Amino acid sequence: MGRVAALGERSRVAGLALAGAVVLVADAPEAVRRCWRTLPGDVDLVILTPAAAEALSETGEALGSRPLTAVMPS
């Protein structure tokens, strides 16, 4: 079983560390894209903040394939 990661602004993802998620803090769109491209290979689910999802969709990053993604509600 793979790990869960949370990607986005610190204020939105920090608490997910308490649930065991790998927290990837990225406050700017380029930081989001850099974290996405360097995800650890054992991550099976990435929880994205709405801003992180938007940053990835702007460049056509491969959302919806592997790893599985879920976007937090606004």
N, C-alpha and C. Protein backbone atom coordinates (compact mmCIF):
# COMPACT_ATOMS: atom_id res chain seq x y z
N MET A 1 0.84 -1.18 0.00
CA MET A 1 0.00 0.00 0.00
C MET A 1 0.88 1.23 0.00
N GLY A 2 0.57 2.19 -0.88
CA GLY A 2 1.35 3.41 -1.01
C GLY A 2 0.98 4.45 0.03
N ARG A 3 1.70 5.54 -0.04
CA ARG A 3 1.48 6.63 0.91
C ARG A 3 0.53 7.67 0.32
N VAL A 4 0.05 8.54 1.20
CA VAL A 4 -0.79 9.67 0.83
C VAL A 4 0.03 10.93 1.01
N ALA A 5 -0.06 11.84 0.04
CA ALA A 5 0.62 13.12 0.13
C ALA A 5 -0.43 14.23 0.04
N ALA A 6 -0.11 15.37 0.64
CA ALA A 6 -0.96 16.56 0.56
C ALA A 6 -0.09 17.67 -0.02
N LEU A 7 -0.58 18.33 -1.06
CA LEU A 7 0.20 19.32 -1.79
C LEU A 7 -0.56 20.63 -1.87
N GLY A 8 0.09 21.71 -1.41
CA GLY A 8 -0.53 23.03 -1.50
C GLY A 8 -0.03 23.97 -0.43
N GLU A 9 -0.83 24.98 -0.17
CA GLU A 9 -0.44 26.02 0.77
C GLU A 9 -0.32 25.46 2.19
N ARG A 10 0.69 25.95 2.89
CA ARG A 10 1.00 25.45 4.24
C ARG A 10 -0.24 25.47 5.14
N SER A 11 -0.99 26.55 5.12
CA SER A 11 -2.13 26.67 6.03
C SER A 11 -3.22 25.64 5.74
N ARG A 12 -3.26 25.10 4.53
CA ARG A 12 -4.29 24.12 4.17
C ARG A 12 -3.84 22.67 4.33
N VAL A 13 -2.53 22.41 4.24
CA VAL A 13 -2.07 21.01 4.25
C VAL A 13 -1.34 20.58 5.52
N ALA A 14 -0.90 21.52 6.32
CA ALA A 14 -0.06 21.18 7.49
C ALA A 14 -0.73 20.17 8.42
N GLY A 15 -2.00 20.34 8.68
CA GLY A 15 -2.71 19.46 9.61
C GLY A 15 -2.81 18.02 9.14
N LEU A 16 -2.68 17.80 7.84
CA LEU A 16 -2.78 16.43 7.32
C LEU A 16 -1.58 15.57 7.72
N ALA A 17 -0.51 16.20 8.16
CA ALA A 17 0.63 15.44 8.67
C ALA A 17 0.22 14.62 9.89
N LEU A 18 -0.72 15.14 10.67
CA LEU A 18 -1.19 14.42 11.85
C LEU A 18 -1.88 13.11 11.49
N ALA A 19 -2.41 13.04 10.26
CA ALA A 19 -3.07 11.82 9.79
C ALA A 19 -2.09 10.91 9.04
N GLY A 20 -0.83 11.31 8.98
CA GLY A 20 0.18 10.47 8.36
C GLY A 20 0.51 10.81 6.92
N ALA A 21 -0.07 11.88 6.39
CA ALA A 21 0.21 12.26 5.01
C ALA A 21 1.60 12.88 4.90
N VAL A 22 2.22 12.67 3.76
CA VAL A 22 3.47 13.36 3.43
C VAL A 22 3.04 14.76 3.00
N VAL A 23 3.46 15.78 3.71
CA VAL A 23 3.03 17.15 3.41
C VAL A 23 4.07 17.83 2.53
N LEU A 24 3.60 18.32 1.38
CA LEU A 24 4.44 19.03 0.43
C LEU A 24 3.91 20.45 0.35
N VAL A 25 4.63 21.37 1.00
CA VAL A 25 4.20 22.76 1.05
C VAL A 25 4.65 23.47 -0.23
N ALA A 26 3.68 24.08 -0.91
CA ALA A 26 3.96 24.82 -2.13
C ALA A 26 2.98 25.99 -2.19
N ASP A 27 3.50 27.18 -1.95
CA ASP A 27 2.64 28.36 -1.91
C ASP A 27 2.53 29.08 -3.25
N ALA A 28 3.35 28.72 -4.21
CA ALA A 28 3.33 29.37 -5.51
C ALA A 28 3.14 28.31 -6.60
N PRO A 29 2.55 28.69 -7.74
CA PRO A 29 2.29 27.72 -8.80
C PRO A 29 3.54 26.94 -9.26
N GLU A 30 4.66 27.60 -9.41
CA GLU A 30 5.87 26.89 -9.85
C GLU A 30 6.32 25.88 -8.80
N ALA A 31 6.17 26.22 -7.53
CA ALA A 31 6.53 25.28 -6.46
C ALA A 31 5.61 24.05 -6.49
N VAL A 32 4.33 24.27 -6.79
CA VAL A 32 3.39 23.15 -6.92
C VAL A 32 3.85 22.22 -8.03
N ARG A 33 4.16 22.78 -9.19
CA ARG A 33 4.58 21.96 -10.33
C ARG A 33 5.89 21.23 -10.05
N ARG A 34 6.81 21.86 -9.34
CA ARG A 34 8.08 21.22 -8.99
C ARG A 34 7.84 20.04 -8.04
N CYS A 35 6.99 20.25 -7.03
CA CYS A 35 6.66 19.15 -6.10
C CYS A 35 5.98 18.00 -6.83
N TRP A 36 5.07 18.32 -7.75
CA TRP A 36 4.36 17.29 -8.50
C TRP A 36 5.33 16.42 -9.29
N ARG A 37 6.27 17.06 -9.96
CA ARG A 37 7.23 16.33 -10.80
C ARG A 37 8.20 15.49 -9.98
N THR A 38 8.36 15.80 -8.71
CA THR A 38 9.33 15.07 -7.87
C THR A 38 8.65 14.26 -6.76
N LEU A 39 7.37 13.91 -6.97
CA LEU A 39 6.68 13.09 -5.98
C LEU A 39 7.43 11.78 -5.75
N PRO A 40 7.52 11.33 -4.51
CA PRO A 40 8.11 10.02 -4.26
C PRO A 40 7.32 8.93 -5.00
N GLY A 41 8.00 7.92 -5.45
CA GLY A 41 7.39 6.86 -6.24
C GLY A 41 6.36 6.03 -5.50
N ASP A 42 6.39 6.05 -4.17
CA ASP A 42 5.44 5.23 -3.42
C ASP A 42 4.18 5.99 -3.01
N VAL A 43 3.97 7.18 -3.56
CA VAL A 43 2.76 7.95 -3.27
C VAL A 43 1.66 7.50 -4.23
N ASP A 44 0.54 7.02 -3.68
CA ASP A 44 -0.58 6.55 -4.47
C ASP A 44 -1.74 7.53 -4.54
N LEU A 45 -1.81 8.47 -3.59
CA LEU A 45 -2.88 9.46 -3.55
C LEU A 45 -2.30 10.81 -3.19
N VAL A 46 -2.67 11.84 -3.94
CA VAL A 46 -2.25 13.20 -3.63
C VAL A 46 -3.50 14.04 -3.40
N ILE A 47 -3.59 14.62 -2.22
CA ILE A 47 -4.67 15.54 -1.89
C ILE A 47 -4.17 16.93 -2.25
N LEU A 48 -4.89 17.60 -3.14
CA LEU A 48 -4.49 18.92 -3.63
C LEU A 48 -5.40 20.00 -3.06
N THR A 49 -4.82 21.15 -2.74
CA THR A 49 -5.65 22.30 -2.44
C THR A 49 -6.21 22.81 -3.76
N PRO A 50 -7.29 23.58 -3.74
CA PRO A 50 -7.82 24.12 -4.99
C PRO A 50 -6.77 24.92 -5.78
N ALA A 51 -5.95 25.70 -5.10
CA ALA A 51 -4.92 26.48 -5.79
C ALA A 51 -3.87 25.57 -6.43
N ALA A 52 -3.51 24.49 -5.76
CA ALA A 52 -2.54 23.55 -6.33
C ALA A 52 -3.12 22.86 -7.56
N ALA A 53 -4.38 22.46 -7.49
CA ALA A 53 -5.02 21.83 -8.63
C ALA A 53 -5.06 22.78 -9.82
N GLU A 54 -5.34 24.04 -9.56
CA GLU A 54 -5.37 25.04 -10.63
C GLU A 54 -3.98 25.22 -11.24
N ALA A 55 -2.96 25.27 -10.40
CA ALA A 55 -1.59 25.42 -10.91
C ALA A 55 -1.20 24.25 -11.81
N LEU A 56 -1.62 23.05 -11.46
CA LEU A 56 -1.30 21.90 -12.28
C LEU A 56 -2.12 21.88 -13.57
N SER A 57 -3.36 22.28 -13.50
CA SER A 57 -4.21 22.25 -14.69
C SER A 57 -3.79 23.32 -15.70
N GLU A 58 -3.19 24.41 -15.25
CA GLU A 58 -2.74 25.47 -16.14
C GLU A 58 -1.69 24.99 -17.13
N THR A 59 -0.92 24.00 -16.74
CA THR A 59 0.16 23.51 -17.61
C THR A 59 -0.14 22.13 -18.18
N GLY A 60 -1.34 21.62 -17.92
CA GLY A 60 -1.70 20.31 -18.46
C GLY A 60 -1.00 19.15 -17.79
N GLU A 61 -0.57 19.34 -16.54
CA GLU A 61 0.05 18.23 -15.81
C GLU A 61 -0.96 17.08 -15.74
N ALA A 62 -0.47 15.87 -15.65
CA ALA A 62 -1.30 14.66 -15.77
C ALA A 62 -2.09 14.38 -14.50
N LEU A 63 -3.19 15.10 -14.31
CA LEU A 63 -4.07 14.81 -13.19
C LEU A 63 -5.02 13.69 -13.59
N GLY A 64 -5.40 12.88 -12.63
CA GLY A 64 -6.38 11.84 -12.89
C GLY A 64 -5.77 10.52 -13.33
N SER A 65 -4.48 10.46 -13.49
CA SER A 65 -3.86 9.18 -13.83
C SER A 65 -3.19 8.64 -12.59
N ARG A 66 -1.94 8.41 -12.63
CA ARG A 66 -1.21 7.91 -11.47
C ARG A 66 -0.29 8.99 -10.98
N PRO A 67 -0.26 9.40 -9.78
CA PRO A 67 -1.10 8.91 -8.68
C PRO A 67 -2.52 9.48 -8.75
N LEU A 68 -3.39 8.84 -8.02
CA LEU A 68 -4.76 9.30 -7.90
C LEU A 68 -4.75 10.66 -7.20
N THR A 69 -5.64 11.56 -7.62
CA THR A 69 -5.70 12.88 -6.99
C THR A 69 -7.09 13.16 -6.45
N ALA A 70 -7.14 13.98 -5.42
CA ALA A 70 -8.39 14.45 -4.86
C ALA A 70 -8.18 15.92 -4.52
N VAL A 71 -9.17 16.76 -4.81
CA VAL A 71 -9.06 18.18 -4.53
C VAL A 71 -9.89 18.51 -3.30
N MET A 72 -9.28 19.23 -2.36
CA MET A 72 -9.98 19.67 -1.16
C MET A 72 -11.10 20.63 -1.55
N PRO A 73 -12.17 20.64 -0.79
CA PRO A 73 -13.20 21.65 -1.05
C PRO A 73 -12.66 23.05 -0.75
N SER A 74 -13.20 24.03 -1.41
CA SER A 74 -12.76 25.43 -1.19
C SER A 74 -13.12 25.91 0.18
